[in-house]
Each structure stands twice: as C-alpha cells, then as structure tokens.
C-alpha cells in the first residue's frame, strides 16, 4: 500500500490575511512564497498595502494545488467569505487591536 507524502510536493501555495495596524483593515492575498511576500509587504513594495503598514499576519492557509488556493482567496474576498472569516477571528482581533 502506498501513501502520498504532501511534504514531497514542490508546489506550495498560500492564502494569507494581513491586518493593517494603521487602519485596522484587512488584506487578503495569495502567493507561492509566503516568506518573501511578507517581506515585500513589510518593505512597502506592494502597491495595495504600502500606505497601510505596519501589517500583521493574522492567518494563512497552505495548499498543494494552485487552483484551490486561488479559489479560497476569491471566496475570502467575497462578502460571505469575509463575513465567515470575521466571525472566526473576532476574538483574536480584539486581542490584536
């Protein structure tokens, strides 16, 4: 019997949510290199967030399939997805802010 080992996959995709400590708003993004993307955000190299720093990573999800990650990002950016996300993290946000 064989099992697949996710750790052997070279493809990694992340959906992440940042909280702007400046305006208390959220940024939802998708990337294949989370560490590098967070560095870009922190250095003001991302147009959508450069005037909203400092930012804090408050949530991320890992995917091995690019289309799954993109679909999750799209869902979280939708009205229902954003509402669901906010309900889940409401307590955490009170501690952060």
C-alpha atoms as a PDB file:
ATOM      1  CA  UNK A   1       0.000   0.000   0.000  1.00  0.00           C
ATOM      2  CA  UNK A   2       1.356   3.409  -0.951  1.00  0.00           C
ATOM      3  CA  UNK A   3       0.576   6.748   0.587  1.00  0.00           C
ATOM      4  CA  UNK A   4       1.241  10.147  -0.842  1.00  0.00           C
ATOM      5  CA  UNK A   5       3.508  12.402   1.130  1.00  0.00           C
ATOM      6  CA  UNK A   6       2.459  16.043   0.930  1.00  0.00           C
ATOM      7  CA  UNK A   7       5.882  17.190   2.117  1.00  0.00           C
ATOM      8  CA  UNK A   8       7.438  15.870  -1.115  1.00  0.00           C
ATOM      9  CA  UNK A   9       5.384  18.246  -3.209  1.00  0.00           C
ATOM     10  CA  UNK A  10       7.405  21.121  -4.628  1.00  0.00           C
ATOM     11  CA  UNK A  11       4.272  23.156  -5.266  1.00  0.00           C
ATOM     12  CA  UNK A  12       3.147  25.209  -2.293  1.00  0.00           C
ATOM     13  CA  UNK A  13       0.562  27.931  -2.335  1.00  0.00           C
ATOM     14  CA  UNK A  14      -0.620  30.143   0.472  1.00  0.00           C
ATOM     15  CA  UNK A  15      -3.661  32.283   1.059  1.00  0.00           C
ATOM     16  CA  UNK A  16      -2.930  34.810   3.761  1.00  0.00           C
ATOM     17  CA  UNK A  17      -4.658  37.590   5.628  1.00  0.00           C
ATOM     18  CA  UNK A  18      -2.905  40.675   6.906  1.00  0.00           C
ATOM     19  CA  UNK A  19      -4.241  43.186   9.385  1.00  0.00           C
ATOM     20  CA  UNK A  20      -3.174  46.791   8.951  1.00  0.00           C
ATOM     21  CA  UNK A  21      -2.308  48.184  12.356  1.00  0.00           C
ATOM     22  CA  UNK A  22      -2.660  51.636  10.823  1.00  0.00           C
ATOM     23  CA  UNK A  23      -6.249  51.475   9.529  1.00  0.00           C
ATOM     24  CA  UNK A  24      -7.442  48.164  11.091  1.00  0.00           C
ATOM     25  CA  UNK A  25      -8.391  46.891   7.636  1.00  0.00           C
ATOM     26  CA  UNK A  26      -7.611  43.531   6.086  1.00  0.00           C
ATOM     27  CA  UNK A  27      -5.636  42.474   3.066  1.00  0.00           C
ATOM     28  CA  UNK A  28      -6.237  39.030   1.590  1.00  0.00           C
ATOM     29  CA  UNK A  29      -3.621  37.648  -0.768  1.00  0.00           C
ATOM     30  CA  UNK A  30      -2.264  34.569  -2.452  1.00  0.00           C
ATOM     31  CA  UNK A  31       1.365  33.584  -3.095  1.00  0.00           C
ATOM     32  CA  UNK A  32       3.683  30.664  -3.697  1.00  0.00           C
ATOM     33  CA  UNK A  33       6.379  32.127  -1.417  1.00  0.00           C
ATOM     34  CA  UNK A  34       4.834  33.401   1.809  1.00  0.00           C
ATOM     35  CA  UNK A  35       8.058  34.479   3.489  1.00  0.00           C
ATOM     36  CA  UNK A  36       9.192  36.565   0.519  1.00  0.00           C
ATOM     37  CA  UNK A  37       5.732  38.070   0.051  1.00  0.00           C
ATOM     38  CA  UNK A  38       5.584  39.163   3.700  1.00  0.00           C
ATOM     39  CA  UNK A  39       8.987  40.820   3.307  1.00  0.00           C
ATOM     40  CA  UNK A  40       7.683  42.701   0.249  1.00  0.00           C
ATOM     41  CA  UNK A  41       4.647  43.896   2.203  1.00  0.00           C
ATOM     42  CA  UNK A  42       6.778  44.991   5.161  1.00  0.00           C
ATOM     43  CA  UNK A  43       9.136  46.985   2.946  1.00  0.00           C
ATOM     44  CA  UNK A  44       6.270  48.788   1.210  1.00  0.00           C
ATOM     45  CA  UNK A  45       6.840  47.090  -2.144  1.00  0.00           C
ATOM     46  CA  UNK A  46       3.201  46.033  -2.595  1.00  0.00           C
ATOM     47  CA  UNK A  47       1.081  48.838  -4.012  1.00  0.00           C
ATOM     48  CA  UNK A  48      -2.111  47.680  -2.298  1.00  0.00           C
ATOM     49  CA  UNK A  49      -0.581  47.824   1.187  1.00  0.00           C
ATOM     50  CA  UNK A  50       2.340  50.241   1.052  1.00  0.00           C
ATOM     51  CA  UNK A  51       0.367  53.046   2.696  1.00  0.00           C
ATOM     52  CA  UNK A  52      -1.176  50.704   5.267  1.00  0.00           C
ATOM     53  CA  UNK A  53       1.942  49.484   7.078  1.00  0.00           C
ATOM     54  CA  UNK A  54       2.651  48.248   9.678  1.00  0.00           C
ATOM     55  CA  UNK A  55       0.924  44.965   8.882  1.00  0.00           C
ATOM     56  CA  UNK A  56       0.497  41.814  10.910  1.00  0.00           C
ATOM     57  CA  UNK A  57      -0.019  38.322   9.521  1.00  0.00           C
ATOM     58  CA  UNK A  58      -3.104  37.023  11.314  1.00  0.00           C
ATOM     59  CA  UNK A  59      -3.966  33.941   9.268  1.00  0.00           C
ATOM     60  CA  UNK A  60      -2.653  31.758   6.473  1.00  0.00           C
ATOM     61  CA  UNK A  61      -3.644  28.524   4.779  1.00  0.00           C
ATOM     62  CA  UNK A  62      -1.429  26.114   2.842  1.00  0.00           C
ATOM     63  CA  UNK A  63      -2.448  24.422  -0.409  1.00  0.00           C
ATOM     64  CA  UNK A  64      -0.736  21.985  -2.737  1.00  0.00           C
ATOM     65  CA  UNK A  65      -2.994  22.885  -5.643  1.00  0.00           C
ATOM     66  CA  UNK A  66      -2.813  26.365  -7.190  1.00  0.00           C
ATOM     67  CA  UNK A  67      -6.454  26.406  -8.284  1.00  0.00           C
ATOM     68  CA  UNK A  68      -7.604  25.522  -4.754  1.00  0.00           C
ATOM     69  CA  UNK A  69      -5.584  28.403  -3.306  1.00  0.00           C
ATOM     70  CA  UNK A  70      -6.924  30.864  -5.859  1.00  0.00           C
ATOM     71  CA  UNK A  71     -10.489  29.695  -5.222  1.00  0.00           C
ATOM     72  CA  UNK A  72     -10.042  30.125  -1.467  1.00  0.00           C
ATOM     73  CA  UNK A  73      -8.626  33.627  -1.941  1.00  0.00           C
ATOM     74  CA  UNK A  74     -11.598  34.529  -4.136  1.00  0.00           C
ATOM     75  CA  UNK A  75     -14.024  33.118  -1.563  1.00  0.00           C
ATOM     76  CA  UNK A  76     -12.434  35.043   1.317  1.00  0.00           C
ATOM     77  CA  UNK A  77     -12.677  38.241  -0.722  1.00  0.00           C
ATOM     78  CA  UNK A  78     -16.382  37.639  -1.335  1.00  0.00           C
ATOM     79  CA  UNK A  79     -18.982  39.081   1.014  1.00  0.00           C
ATOM     80  CA  UNK A  80     -19.905  35.735   2.528  1.00  0.00           C
ATOM     81  CA  UNK A  81     -16.295  34.598   2.838  1.00  0.00           C
ATOM     82  CA  UNK A  82     -15.218  37.822   4.517  1.00  0.00           C
ATOM     83  CA  UNK A  83     -18.155  37.605   6.917  1.00  0.00           C
ATOM     84  CA  UNK A  84     -17.302  33.998   7.774  1.00  0.00           C
ATOM     85  CA  UNK A  85     -13.642  34.871   8.292  1.00  0.00           C
ATOM     86  CA  UNK A  86     -14.500  37.798  10.553  1.00  0.00           C
ATOM     87  CA  UNK A  87     -16.762  35.666  12.733  1.00  0.00           C
ATOM     88  CA  UNK A  88     -13.999  33.085  13.200  1.00  0.00           C
ATOM     89  CA  UNK A  89     -11.331  35.628  14.107  1.00  0.00           C
ATOM     90  CA  UNK A  90     -13.425  38.133  16.046  1.00  0.00           C
ATOM     91  CA  UNK A  91     -11.949  37.190  19.427  1.00  0.00           C
ATOM     92  CA  UNK A  92      -8.401  37.207  18.115  1.00  0.00           C
ATOM     93  CA  UNK A  93      -8.842  40.653  16.590  1.00  0.00           C
ATOM     94  CA  UNK A  94      -9.939  42.095  19.909  1.00  0.00           C
ATOM     95  CA  UNK A  95      -6.622  40.991  21.423  1.00  0.00           C
ATOM     96  CA  UNK A  96      -4.543  42.280  18.492  1.00  0.00           C
ATOM     97  CA  UNK A  97      -6.183  45.682  18.209  1.00  0.00           C
END
